[in-house]
Protein backbone atom coordinates (compact mmCIF):
# COMPACT_ATOMS: atom_id res chain seq x y z
CA MET A 1 -57.46 44.76 3.97
CA LYS A 2 -56.40 45.28 0.85
CA LYS A 3 -54.09 42.40 1.04
CA ILE A 4 -56.69 39.43 2.26
CA LEU A 5 -58.64 41.66 -0.78
CA PHE A 6 -55.59 39.94 -2.80
CA PHE A 7 -55.30 36.89 -1.32
CA THR A 8 -59.09 35.98 -1.61
CA ILE A 9 -58.80 36.73 -5.67
CA ILE A 10 -55.97 34.72 -6.50
CA PHE A 11 -57.81 31.61 -3.82
CA ALA A 12 -60.97 31.72 -6.21
CA SER A 13 -58.90 32.31 -8.97
CA ALA A 14 -57.13 28.90 -8.86
CA PHE A 15 -60.06 27.11 -7.45
CA SER A 16 -61.99 28.26 -10.59
CA ALA A 17 -59.11 26.02 -13.04
CA PHE A 18 -60.18 22.79 -11.20
CA SER A 19 -62.02 20.23 -12.99
CA VAL A 20 -65.62 18.79 -11.10
CA ASN A 21 -65.98 15.04 -11.64
CA TYR A 22 -70.52 14.44 -12.66
CA TYR A 23 -71.28 10.10 -12.80
CA SER A 24 -74.38 9.80 -13.94
CA LYS A 25 -77.04 7.72 -12.70
CA SER A 26 -78.06 4.51 -12.73
CA THR A 27 -81.63 5.75 -15.30
CA GLY A 28 -82.75 9.25 -16.67
CA ASN A 29 -81.34 10.53 -19.84
CA LEU A 30 -77.99 12.00 -19.56
CA ASN A 31 -79.39 16.12 -21.55
CA LEU A 32 -80.76 16.12 -18.00
CA THR A 33 -78.68 18.11 -15.42
CA SER A 34 -80.34 16.13 -12.74
CA THR A 35 -79.36 12.50 -13.75
CA TRP A 36 -76.20 13.37 -12.92
CA GLY A 37 -74.31 13.46 -9.51
CA GLU A 38 -71.03 14.22 -7.63
CA ASN A 39 -70.71 11.49 -6.24
CA THR A 40 -69.48 8.22 -8.15
CA ASN A 41 -72.61 6.23 -7.78
CA GLY A 42 -74.70 9.42 -9.08
CA THR A 43 -75.92 10.94 -6.03
CA GLY A 44 -74.52 14.16 -4.85
CA THR A 45 -74.40 17.61 -5.99
CA ALA A 46 -75.52 17.93 -9.48
CA PRO A 47 -74.63 20.08 -12.38
CA SER A 48 -75.89 23.36 -12.34
CA ASN A 49 -74.99 23.44 -16.97
CA PHE A 50 -73.31 21.87 -18.76
CA THR A 51 -71.61 25.09 -20.31
CA THR A 52 -68.96 25.60 -17.13
CA GLY A 53 -64.86 24.62 -18.10
CA ASN A 54 -64.03 21.92 -16.69
CA ASP A 55 -66.55 19.70 -15.92
CA ILE A 56 -66.21 15.73 -16.95
CA PHE A 57 -69.28 13.77 -17.51
CA TYR A 58 -68.21 9.93 -16.18
CA ILE A 59 -71.56 7.17 -17.85
CA ARG A 60 -71.28 4.92 -15.49
CA ASN A 61 -73.73 3.32 -13.13
CA ARG A 62 -75.98 1.56 -16.22
CA THR A 63 -74.86 -0.61 -18.64
CA THR A 64 -77.40 1.78 -21.58
CA ALA A 65 -77.74 5.06 -22.07
CA THR A 66 -79.34 7.88 -24.04
CA ILE A 67 -80.25 11.36 -24.49
CA ALA A 68 -84.13 12.69 -24.75
CA ALA A 69 -83.41 16.13 -26.52
CA ALA A 70 -80.02 17.79 -28.06
CA TRP A 71 -77.50 17.80 -25.25
CA THR A 72 -74.11 20.32 -25.69
CA VAL A 73 -71.58 19.92 -23.49
CA SER A 74 -69.86 23.29 -24.61
CA GLY A 75 -67.06 24.27 -20.97
CA ALA A 76 -64.00 24.88 -21.96
CA ASN A 77 -61.94 21.35 -21.30
CA SER A 78 -64.78 20.23 -20.58
CA LYS A 79 -65.68 16.25 -21.87
CA VAL A 80 -67.65 13.03 -21.88
CA VAL A 81 -65.66 10.16 -20.82
CA LEU A 82 -67.67 6.78 -21.42
CA GLY A 83 -67.34 3.86 -19.23
CA ASP A 84 -63.92 2.71 -17.47
CA ALA A 85 -61.55 -0.21 -16.96
CA THR A 86 -62.66 -0.76 -14.04
CA VAL A 87 -66.45 -1.62 -15.07
CA ALA A 88 -68.43 -3.76 -17.72
CA ALA A 89 -69.53 -2.87 -20.45
CA ILE A 90 -71.74 0.31 -21.63
CA THR A 91 -73.53 1.30 -25.00
CA PHE A 92 -74.76 5.06 -25.17
CA THR A 93 -76.99 5.47 -27.80
CA ILE A 94 -76.75 8.51 -29.90
CA PRO A 95 -80.30 8.72 -31.49
CA SER A 96 -80.95 9.96 -34.95
CA GLY A 97 -83.12 12.87 -33.66
CA PHE A 98 -81.22 14.42 -31.34
CA ALA A 99 -77.40 14.75 -31.88
CA PHE A 100 -75.04 15.09 -29.20
CA THR A 101 -72.37 18.35 -29.70
CA GLY A 102 -68.97 18.05 -27.49
CA THR A 103 -65.82 15.91 -26.87
CA ILE A 104 -66.41 11.96 -25.50
CA ASP A 105 -63.83 9.71 -24.65
CA VAL A 106 -64.69 6.33 -25.17
CA THR A 107 -63.21 3.95 -22.19
CA ALA A 108 -62.07 0.21 -22.21
CA ALA A 109 -64.56 -1.42 -19.99
CA SER A 110 -63.53 -4.58 -18.25
CA ALA A 111 -65.76 -7.27 -19.54
CA GLY A 112 -67.02 -6.43 -22.60
CA SER A 113 -66.70 -3.21 -25.07
CA ASN A 114 -68.03 -0.09 -23.48
CA THR A 115 -69.89 0.91 -27.32
CA LEU A 116 -70.69 4.39 -29.39
CA VAL A 117 -72.78 4.52 -31.30
CA ILE A 118 -74.09 7.20 -33.29
CA ALA A 119 -77.41 7.14 -35.50
CA ASN A 120 -77.13 10.80 -36.17
CA ALA A 121 -75.74 12.49 -38.48
CA THR A 122 -73.76 14.84 -36.79
CA VAL A 123 -71.38 13.32 -36.06
CA PRO A 124 -69.54 14.33 -31.93
CA THR A 125 -65.94 15.28 -31.18
CA LEU A 126 -63.85 11.95 -30.99
CA GLY A 127 -61.33 12.35 -28.23
CA THR A 128 -59.21 9.46 -26.57
CA ILE A 129 -60.62 6.15 -28.28
CA SER A 130 -59.36 2.83 -26.90
CA THR A 131 -58.52 0.26 -28.79
CA GLY A 132 -61.09 -1.86 -26.97
CA SER A 133 -63.35 0.27 -27.54
CA THR A 134 -66.15 0.39 -30.24
CA VAL A 135 -67.85 3.49 -32.69
CA ASN A 136 -70.58 2.76 -34.81
CA PHE A 137 -71.63 4.98 -37.41
CA ALA A 138 -75.20 4.13 -37.81
CA SER A 139 -77.11 7.58 -39.49
CA SER A 140 -79.29 7.01 -41.71
CA GLY A 141 -77.75 10.12 -43.48
CA THR A 142 -73.94 11.05 -44.40
CA GLN A 143 -71.39 10.65 -41.74
CA THR A 144 -67.88 11.44 -41.93
CA VAL A 145 -66.10 9.08 -39.84
CA PRO A 146 -62.73 10.88 -38.59
CA ALA A 147 -59.38 9.85 -38.64
CA LYS A 148 -59.02 7.92 -35.51
CA THR A 149 -57.12 4.71 -34.44
CA TYR A 150 -60.30 2.56 -33.57
CA GLY A 151 -60.20 -0.51 -32.27
CA THR A 152 -64.01 -2.26 -33.88
CA LEU A 153 -65.38 0.69 -35.95
CA ILE A 154 -68.58 -0.36 -37.11
CA LEU A 155 -70.64 1.32 -40.46
CA SER A 156 -74.26 0.72 -40.45
CA ASN A 157 -77.36 1.57 -41.45
CA ALA A 158 -78.31 3.74 -44.95
CA GLY A 159 -76.52 6.39 -45.08
CA ASP A 160 -73.50 6.71 -46.86
CA LYS A 161 -69.78 6.79 -45.16
CA ASP A 162 -66.66 9.24 -45.82
CA PHE A 163 -63.51 8.45 -44.13
CA ALA A 164 -61.42 11.65 -44.06
CA TYR A 165 -58.67 12.78 -45.92
CA SER A 166 -56.09 11.11 -43.37
CA ALA A 167 -57.85 7.40 -43.08
CA PRO A 168 -59.12 5.78 -39.59
CA SER A 169 -56.07 3.13 -38.57
CA ILE A 170 -58.06 -0.89 -37.58
CA SER A 171 -56.98 -2.47 -33.76
CA THR A 172 -59.26 -5.33 -33.86
CA LEU A 173 -62.26 -5.14 -36.54
CA LEU A 174 -63.83 -3.08 -39.31
CA SER A 175 -67.84 -4.16 -39.72
CA ILE A 176 -69.86 -3.42 -42.17
CA GLN A 177 -73.56 -4.44 -40.95
CA GLY A 178 -77.43 -3.85 -41.73
CA ASP A 179 -76.57 -2.26 -45.98
CA ALA A 180 -74.49 0.56 -44.97
CA GLY A 181 -74.37 2.68 -46.91
CA ALA A 182 -71.40 4.18 -50.17
CA ILE A 183 -68.63 4.60 -48.64
CA ASN A 184 -66.07 6.44 -49.60
CA SER A 185 -62.64 4.19 -48.20
CA LEU A 186 -59.07 6.33 -47.82
CA ALA A 187 -55.66 4.52 -46.92
CA THR A 188 -57.15 2.80 -43.61
CA THR A 189 -54.04 0.96 -42.48
CA TYR A 190 -54.91 -2.27 -39.74
CA ALA A 191 -53.33 -3.32 -37.41
CA SER A 192 -51.60 -6.90 -37.47
CA GLY A 193 -54.40 -9.35 -37.86
CA ALA A 194 -57.26 -6.75 -37.72
CA PHE A 195 -59.44 -7.83 -40.60
CA ILE A 196 -62.93 -6.76 -42.73
CA GLU A 197 -65.70 -8.19 -41.48
CA PHE A 198 -69.64 -7.62 -43.78
CA ARG A 199 -72.70 -8.78 -41.47
CA ASN A 200 -76.08 -8.85 -41.82
CA PHE A 201 -75.76 -7.36 -45.65
CA THR A 202 -77.26 -8.45 -48.87
CA THR A 203 -76.68 -4.88 -50.80
CA ASN A 204 -74.77 -3.99 -53.21
CA PRO A 205 -71.83 -1.72 -51.87
CA ARG A 206 -70.87 1.06 -53.84
CA ASN A 207 -67.61 3.04 -53.73
CA ARG A 208 -69.05 6.63 -52.10
CA ALA A 209 -66.69 8.82 -54.77
CA ASP A 210 -68.00 7.26 -58.16
CA ASN A 211 -70.67 5.54 -57.15
CA ASN A 212 -70.02 2.46 -58.26
CA VAL A 213 -70.55 -1.06 -57.11
CA GLY A 214 -67.23 -2.63 -55.61
CA TRP A 215 -65.81 0.11 -52.32
CA VAL A 216 -66.55 -3.19 -50.59
CA TRP A 217 -62.54 -4.88 -52.25
CA ARG A 218 -60.91 -1.44 -51.57
CA LEU A 219 -61.25 -1.49 -47.89
CA ASP A 220 -58.24 -3.52 -47.15
CA GLN A 221 -55.61 -1.36 -48.93
CA TYR A 222 -56.66 1.87 -50.90
CA GLY A 223 -54.18 4.96 -51.64
CA GLY A 224 -51.16 3.72 -49.60
CA GLY A 225 -52.05 1.80 -46.27
CA THR A 226 -51.26 -1.65 -44.45
CA ALA A 227 -53.83 -4.58 -45.64
CA ALA A 228 -56.60 -6.05 -42.93
CA SER A 229 -55.10 -9.26 -42.62
CA LYS A 230 -58.83 -11.19 -44.52
CA ILE A 231 -62.47 -9.86 -45.23
CA ARG A 232 -65.18 -12.17 -42.99
CA VAL A 233 -68.31 -12.30 -44.59
CA ALA A 234 -70.46 -13.34 -42.25
CA ASP A 235 -73.63 -14.68 -41.19
CA GLY A 236 -76.75 -12.48 -43.33
CA ALA A 237 -73.53 -11.22 -45.61
CA THR A 238 -73.97 -11.43 -49.64
CA ILE A 239 -71.33 -9.28 -52.08
CA ASN A 240 -72.05 -9.28 -54.84
CA ILE A 241 -69.58 -9.00 -57.19
CA THR A 242 -71.14 -7.28 -60.21
CA ASP A 243 -71.30 -4.61 -63.00
CA ILE A 244 -67.77 -3.28 -60.81
CA ILE A 245 -65.19 -1.48 -62.08
CA PRO A 246 -61.80 -2.75 -62.11
CA VAL A 247 -60.67 -2.73 -58.43
CA GLN A 248 -57.82 -4.59 -56.38
CA THR A 249 -57.91 -5.05 -52.53
CA SER A 250 -53.68 -4.68 -52.57
CA ALA A 251 -50.84 -1.97 -53.72
CA LEU A 252 -49.22 -4.60 -55.41
CA PRO A 253 -48.18 -4.83 -59.54
CA THR A 254 -51.17 -6.39 -61.67
CA PRO A 255 -49.82 -10.08 -62.80
CA ASN A 256 -50.17 -11.89 -65.71
CA GLY A 257 -51.09 -9.86 -67.62
CA THR A 258 -53.82 -6.79 -68.07
CA TRP A 259 -57.33 -8.24 -67.33
CA SER A 260 -60.52 -5.35 -68.64
CA THR A 261 -63.41 -8.00 -67.31
CA PRO A 262 -65.07 -5.75 -64.45
CA GLN A 263 -63.06 -8.41 -61.15
CA ALA A 264 -62.65 -8.19 -57.59
CA LYS A 265 -58.85 -9.69 -57.04
CA MET A 266 -58.27 -10.73 -53.33
CA PHE A 267 -54.56 -10.58 -51.72
CA VAL A 268 -56.09 -11.42 -48.61
CA PRO A 269 -57.62 -14.64 -47.27
CA LEU A 270 -61.59 -14.80 -47.67
CA GLU A 271 -63.62 -16.55 -44.97
CA ILE A 272 -67.49 -16.76 -45.39
CA ILE A 273 -69.22 -17.73 -42.64
CA GLY A 274 -72.43 -19.75 -42.07
CA THR A 275 -75.11 -18.12 -44.25
CA GLY A 276 -72.34 -15.34 -45.94
CA ARG A 277 -72.05 -15.85 -49.32
CA VAL A 278 -70.26 -14.13 -52.10
CA ASN A 279 -72.10 -14.23 -55.50
CA ILE A 280 -69.89 -13.35 -59.33
CA SER A 281 -72.81 -12.25 -61.34
CA ASN A 282 -72.74 -13.48 -65.75
CA GLY A 283 -69.67 -11.64 -67.30
CA CYS A 284 -67.46 -10.97 -63.91
CA ARG A 285 -64.46 -12.90 -62.23
CA ILE A 286 -63.01 -12.64 -59.21
CA ASP A 287 -59.30 -13.13 -58.68
CA ILE A 288 -57.68 -16.03 -55.40
CA PHE A 289 -54.11 -14.70 -54.22
CA THR A 290 -54.42 -16.46 -50.99
CA ASN A 291 -56.65 -18.39 -49.15
CA LEU A 292 -59.85 -19.28 -49.85
CA ILE A 293 -62.15 -20.11 -46.26
CA THR A 294 -65.53 -21.48 -45.55
CA ALA A 295 -66.83 -22.61 -42.73
CA THR A 296 -70.55 -23.91 -41.49
CA GLY A 297 -72.07 -23.84 -44.82
CA GLY A 298 -70.47 -20.82 -46.48
CA GLN A 299 -69.79 -20.46 -49.73
CA LEU A 300 -68.32 -18.84 -53.28
CA GLU A 301 -70.66 -18.53 -55.49
CA GLY A 302 -71.11 -17.67 -59.52
CA VAL A 303 -73.96 -18.16 -62.10
CA ALA A 304 -73.09 -18.73 -65.28
CA GLY A 305 -70.86 -17.44 -67.43
CA SER A 306 -69.02 -15.90 -63.47
CA ARG A 307 -65.36 -16.57 -63.65
CA ILE A 308 -63.38 -17.11 -60.18
CA HIS A 309 -59.81 -17.87 -60.80
CA ILE A 310 -57.66 -19.51 -57.97
CA SER A 311 -54.24 -17.41 -59.05
CA GLY A 312 -51.63 -17.46 -55.86
CA GLN A 313 -48.66 -17.74 -58.48
CA ASN A 314 -45.75 -19.14 -56.49
CA THR A 315 -47.84 -20.08 -53.16
CA SER A 316 -49.47 -22.61 -51.13
CA GLN A 317 -53.42 -22.31 -51.08
CA SER A 318 -56.75 -23.46 -48.84
CA LEU A 319 -59.63 -23.15 -50.80
CA GLY A 320 -63.07 -23.41 -49.25
CA LYS A 321 -66.37 -24.29 -50.61
CA ILE A 322 -66.90 -23.59 -53.75
CA ASN A 323 -70.26 -23.75 -55.74
CA THR A 324 -70.30 -22.08 -59.81
CA SER A 325 -72.40 -22.16 -62.13
CA GLY A 326 -69.76 -20.42 -64.30
CA PHE A 327 -65.85 -21.31 -64.96
CA LEU A 328 -63.51 -22.20 -62.17
CA CYS A 329 -59.71 -21.59 -64.04
CA LEU A 330 -56.56 -23.05 -61.94
CA ASP A 331 -54.05 -20.80 -62.92
CA LYS A 332 -51.22 -21.19 -60.76
CA ASP A 333 -48.17 -20.85 -62.10
CA ALA A 334 -46.39 -22.68 -59.57
CA GLY A 335 -47.43 -23.97 -56.01
CA VAL A 336 -50.34 -26.29 -54.18
CA ALA A 337 -53.40 -25.24 -54.12
CA THR A 338 -55.28 -27.63 -52.74
CA LEU A 339 -59.21 -28.02 -51.87
CA THR A 340 -60.64 -28.35 -47.95
CA ASP A 341 -63.76 -28.81 -49.16
CA ASN A 342 -66.36 -29.36 -52.23
CA VAL A 343 -66.60 -27.91 -55.59
CA ASN A 344 -69.01 -27.99 -57.62
CA ALA A 345 -68.47 -25.40 -61.33
CA GLY A 346 -70.29 -25.27 -64.10
CA HIS A 347 -66.68 -26.18 -65.84
CA ILE A 348 -62.76 -26.63 -64.46
CA TYR A 349 -60.28 -25.13 -66.48
CA ILE A 350 -56.58 -25.75 -65.92
CA TRP A 351 -53.41 -24.20 -67.47
CA ASN A 352 -50.53 -21.77 -66.57
CA PRO A 353 -51.59 -18.29 -67.90
CA ASN A 354 -47.55 -18.09 -68.42
CA ASP A 355 -46.53 -14.42 -68.39
CA GLY A 356 -43.51 -15.65 -69.88
CA ASN A 357 -40.78 -16.05 -67.11
CA LEU A 358 -42.54 -18.93 -64.45
CA GLY A 359 -42.32 -22.14 -64.45
CA GLU A 360 -44.58 -25.53 -65.18
CA GLY A 361 -47.57 -24.30 -63.13
CA GLY A 362 -49.30 -25.06 -60.48
CA ILE A 363 -50.50 -28.24 -58.62
CA PHE A 364 -54.00 -28.75 -57.40
CA SER A 365 -54.87 -30.83 -55.08
CA CYS A 366 -57.67 -32.46 -53.19
CA ASP A 367 -57.76 -33.10 -49.19
CA LEU A 368 -59.45 -35.40 -46.76
CA ALA A 369 -63.29 -35.52 -48.47
CA ALA A 370 -63.12 -33.23 -50.97
CA SER A 371 -64.74 -33.51 -53.59
CA ILE A 372 -64.70 -32.51 -57.61
CA THR A 373 -67.65 -31.77 -58.98
CA ALA A 374 -67.94 -30.18 -62.47
CA GLY A 375 -69.81 -30.21 -65.99
CA GLY A 376 -66.81 -30.45 -67.59
CA LEU A 377 -62.45 -30.39 -67.04
CA THR A 378 -59.98 -28.74 -69.85
CA MET A 379 -56.09 -28.76 -69.14
CA GLY A 380 -54.15 -26.96 -70.91
CA GLN A 381 -54.00 -23.29 -72.83
CA SER A 382 -56.58 -21.90 -74.93
CA ALA A 383 -57.15 -23.70 -78.05
CA PRO A 384 -60.35 -24.43 -80.69
CA GLY A 385 -63.47 -25.94 -79.18
CA THR A 386 -62.24 -25.49 -75.26
CA PRO A 387 -64.62 -23.55 -73.45
CA LEU A 388 -63.05 -20.13 -73.10
CA PRO A 389 -62.85 -17.76 -75.41
CA ALA A 390 -59.96 -16.69 -76.27
CA SER A 391 -60.10 -13.01 -75.33
CA ALA A 392 -61.07 -14.30 -72.08
CA PHE A 393 -56.91 -14.64 -71.12
CA PRO A 394 -53.99 -12.32 -71.60
CA ALA A 395 -52.17 -13.88 -75.34
CA PRO A 396 -49.16 -16.46 -74.09
CA THR A 397 -46.18 -15.19 -74.99
CA THR A 398 -44.05 -18.92 -74.96
CA LEU A 399 -46.16 -21.96 -74.36
CA PRO A 400 -45.14 -23.19 -71.40
CA ASN A 401 -43.90 -26.89 -70.78
CA THR A 402 -46.24 -28.70 -68.17
CA ASN A 403 -49.72 -26.66 -68.40
CA GLY A 404 -50.87 -27.16 -63.72
CA THR A 405 -51.37 -30.69 -62.22
CA LEU A 406 -54.70 -31.93 -60.99
CA ARG A 407 -54.23 -34.15 -57.96
CA LEU A 408 -57.38 -36.13 -56.99
CA ASN A 409 -55.45 -38.70 -55.13
CA ASN A 410 -54.57 -37.04 -51.85
CA ALA A 411 -57.05 -38.58 -49.31
CA ASN A 412 -57.28 -40.75 -46.00
CA LEU A 413 -60.37 -41.93 -45.77
CA GLY A 414 -60.06 -45.18 -44.50
CA ALA A 415 -58.83 -49.23 -45.32
CA GLY A 416 -61.11 -49.77 -48.82
CA ILE A 417 -62.16 -46.64 -49.29
CA SER A 418 -62.54 -44.46 -52.79
CA HIS A 419 -62.01 -40.27 -52.61
CA SER A 420 -64.66 -40.10 -55.91
CA HIS A 421 -64.81 -36.90 -58.27
CA THR A 422 -67.14 -36.44 -61.72
CA ILE A 423 -67.12 -34.67 -64.39
CA THR A 424 -70.16 -34.78 -65.74
CA GLY A 425 -69.78 -33.71 -69.27
CA ASN A 426 -65.84 -34.18 -71.12
CA VAL A 427 -62.67 -34.26 -69.89
CA THR A 428 -60.40 -32.16 -72.77
CA MET A 429 -56.42 -32.89 -71.82
CA LEU A 430 -54.35 -30.40 -74.25
CA ASP A 431 -51.82 -30.47 -71.51
CA GLY A 432 -50.84 -31.15 -67.92
CA ILE A 433 -50.90 -33.67 -65.85
CA LEU A 434 -54.01 -35.91 -63.89
CA ASP A 435 -52.48 -37.33 -61.11
CA PHE A 436 -53.75 -39.37 -58.50
CA THR A 437 -51.41 -39.91 -56.94
CA SER A 438 -51.05 -39.72 -53.00
CA GLY A 439 -49.39 -36.83 -52.06
CA THR A 440 -48.07 -36.49 -48.28
CA LEU A 441 -49.80 -39.05 -46.56
CA THR A 442 -49.07 -42.47 -45.82
CA ASP A 443 -52.35 -44.27 -46.16
CA PRO A 444 -53.84 -43.48 -49.76
CA ARG A 445 -57.11 -44.44 -51.24
CA SER A 446 -57.90 -44.85 -55.08
CA SER A 447 -59.36 -42.25 -56.49
CA ILE A 448 -62.28 -42.85 -58.64
CA LEU A 449 -62.91 -40.09 -61.99
CA ASN A 450 -66.27 -40.35 -63.26
CA VAL A 451 -66.57 -38.96 -66.68
CA GLY A 452 -69.52 -38.77 -68.54
CA GLY A 453 -68.62 -37.76 -71.24
CA ASN A 454 -66.14 -38.24 -73.74
CA PHE A 455 -62.21 -38.18 -73.19
CA ILE A 456 -60.17 -36.81 -74.45
CA LYS A 457 -56.46 -36.54 -74.16
CA THR A 458 -53.49 -34.93 -76.95
CA GLY A 459 -49.41 -33.89 -76.57
CA THR A 460 -46.42 -34.84 -75.74
CA SER A 461 -46.30 -33.33 -72.08
CA THR A 462 -49.62 -35.07 -70.80
CA THR A 463 -49.56 -37.79 -68.60
CA ILE A 464 -52.04 -39.20 -66.01
CA ASN A 465 -50.10 -40.98 -63.21
CA THR A 466 -51.62 -43.34 -60.83
CA SER A 467 -49.51 -45.51 -59.36
CA VAL A 468 -50.07 -44.49 -55.25
CA SER A 469 -48.53 -47.20 -52.57
CA GLY A 470 -49.14 -49.88 -51.61
CA SER A 471 -51.78 -51.39 -54.37
CA HIS A 472 -54.54 -47.94 -54.99
CA ALA A 473 -54.38 -47.53 -58.32
CA GLY A 474 -56.96 -44.66 -59.81
CA GLN A 475 -59.35 -45.67 -62.33
CA ILE A 476 -61.56 -43.75 -64.50
CA ASN A 477 -64.66 -44.54 -64.88
CA PHE A 478 -67.01 -43.75 -68.21
CA ASN A 479 -70.74 -44.15 -67.18
CA GLY A 480 -72.36 -42.29 -69.67
CA THR A 481 -75.40 -43.01 -70.07
CA GLY A 482 -77.94 -43.10 -73.61
CA SER A 483 -76.32 -40.40 -76.01
CA PRO A 484 -73.95 -39.65 -77.56
CA VAL A 485 -71.64 -42.79 -77.55
CA GLN A 486 -68.41 -41.51 -75.30
CA ASN A 487 -65.52 -41.23 -77.00
CA ILE A 488 -61.98 -42.51 -75.57
CA ALA A 489 -59.00 -40.50 -76.96
CA ILE A 490 -55.98 -41.95 -75.36
CA ASN A 491 -52.17 -41.66 -76.57
CA THR A 492 -50.94 -43.88 -73.77
CA SER A 493 -51.77 -47.05 -72.95
CA THR A 494 -49.49 -47.58 -69.33
CA GLU A 495 -50.95 -44.45 -66.91
CA VAL A 496 -54.37 -45.92 -65.73
CA SER A 497 -56.64 -47.78 -65.08
CA PHE A 498 -60.27 -47.15 -67.07
CA ALA A 499 -63.57 -49.19 -66.72
CA VAL A 500 -66.86 -49.05 -68.41
CA LYS A 501 -70.04 -49.23 -66.46
CA PRO A 502 -72.23 -50.80 -68.11
CA THR A 503 -74.50 -48.22 -68.62
CA ALA A 504 -71.99 -46.73 -70.52
CA SER A 505 -71.26 -45.84 -74.84
CA VAL A 506 -68.29 -46.41 -74.69
CA LEU A 507 -66.31 -45.86 -78.32
CA LEU A 508 -62.49 -46.27 -78.62
CA THR A 509 -60.26 -43.93 -80.79
CA GLY A 510 -57.38 -44.21 -79.55
CA ASN A 511 -54.46 -46.80 -77.27
CA VAL A 512 -55.96 -48.25 -74.62
CA VAL A 513 -53.48 -51.26 -73.61
CA SER A 514 -52.79 -52.88 -70.58
CA SER A 515 -49.26 -53.48 -70.39
CA THR A 516 -48.89 -53.98 -66.79
CA SER A 517 -51.29 -55.45 -64.08
CA THR A 518 -51.81 -52.69 -62.42
CA GLU A 519 -52.49 -50.68 -65.68
CA SER A 520 -55.82 -51.94 -67.08
CA PHE A 521 -59.17 -50.77 -69.77
CA VAL A 522 -62.47 -53.45 -67.59
CA VAL A 523 -65.68 -53.42 -69.35
CA GLU A 524 -67.60 -54.12 -66.08
CA THR A 525 -70.51 -56.91 -66.87
C-alpha cells in the first residue's frame, strides 16, 4: 500500500509540470476563461483560471482580439502567444482603459504581420518578438519601450515614449505616427535596410530628455547605435525644423567648421513622398550629406531666412524636389550632386566651404527635365554685396582655385527641345564655373539660362562653358522687363551666346564681343 501511494504522488507531481495549451475561439474577449479551449479551434475544456502555472494561451481563429477588463496571466511559466506562422495575421489591441499584465510572445504570420497594439500605459512583459511582427506603443500616457529586437516598431498617439537605457534594435522599420509625444532615444541599432518613417505626423517633434524639438533627427543614430538606412517622411507627415538644439544624425565628426545655428544634419538619405513635407523655419538650416529622395509630390521646403545646405563633400549625391523661399547653399568640396527634380529657391549660393584641405569645389548638375528657378544666383566666396552675411559661413583659411560648378546642360530631351532655367534676379559670379556642357549624355540639347537681373562676372578663375557635342551651344537670355536696366559685366568674350529679348533693357559694361561663329551676342527683334 505504501509503494502504491508513493508511486501515485510521483506521477501527480510529474504530471503537474506539463503545460496545457489553450486556443482562443473566433469570438469573445480574451480576459474571459470561456473564450479559451484546449482544441486548436477554441473548443474543448476551458481553463479554470489564468493563475495556474505552465499554461500557454494562443490567440488564434480570428483577425482581431481585445479585452473588456483588466487581464492578468500570472501562473509560473504561463504566457500568451499572439498568432502563428501557419495562419494569417492577427491584431491584438490592449485598450487604453484596461491593462494586460503578463508575458506575451508575438510570432510571424503566414500573411501580413501579427500586431500587438499597446494603448494602455502599462506595458506587458515582452517575450519572444518575431522580426516579422509589429509592436505599436499607442498610449496617450508615458510608456517605456523595452530593449528588444523589433521587426516593425510603431510609436503613436500623444504619449511620451521612453526608450529603455539599453535601447531597442530595429529589423525592418521604426514608424512614428499620429503626433506621437516626446521620445527619449538612446543607441538605437538598425539592421541593414531598416529605416525610420513618419506618417500622419504634424506636431513638431520633441526630445524627451530636454523637451526640445529635434529628436526626430537623432533617432537614426544617437549614443553609439547603428544608423538607419534612410529617414522617410510619408503621407500626412510634416516635420518642422524650427527652434531646435544643434543635433546630428551620426557620430561622424562635424565637417567644415563649427555650426551654431539651429540645424539638422542628415548623414543618411532623406526620403519625402506623397503629401509628406519637411519644412525649414526662418533662421534654421538642414544639411544634406547624402541623397534627397522625393516622389509623388513630396518635397523639401523652406521659408524666407531658412538655409538648405547640400554638403556631401567628396560624395556623389542625388537631389529631389526642393521648394524654398530661403537660401539653397550648394557647398560641396568635391563630387557631383545631380538634381533629379525641379528646384525653386529664393537664392542659390554655390561655394566651396573650404576647410583648407579639400579641393576645387563640387559640381551641381541638372539631370533629365530638372529645372532651376531662383530669385538670384551667386557663385564664389562670401564678399560684400552677396546675399548671405559673412556670419552664415565659417571663415575660409585659404582661398581655393575654384568654388564649384553649376552644370545646366545635362538633359536628353529630344531633338529641338531646350532645357530652360530662370534666375529672376541677379547672377553674380565671384568665382567658379557656369557650365552648359553635356556631361555624359550622348545626345545633349542646349540649355538656356533666363536672367531677369544683372549679370556680373568677375575674377580671373570664373568661367562660362558652352561647348557641347554637335551644334548645341548654351545660351543666356537677358529678358528683364522695365526698370531697372540690366547690367551685363563680362570680363571675357569667348564663352557664351547671349540673347537680349525685345522687352529687356540692357547696359553693357563689360567686353562682350563674339570671337567665333558659335559664340555671339544677339539683340532679338
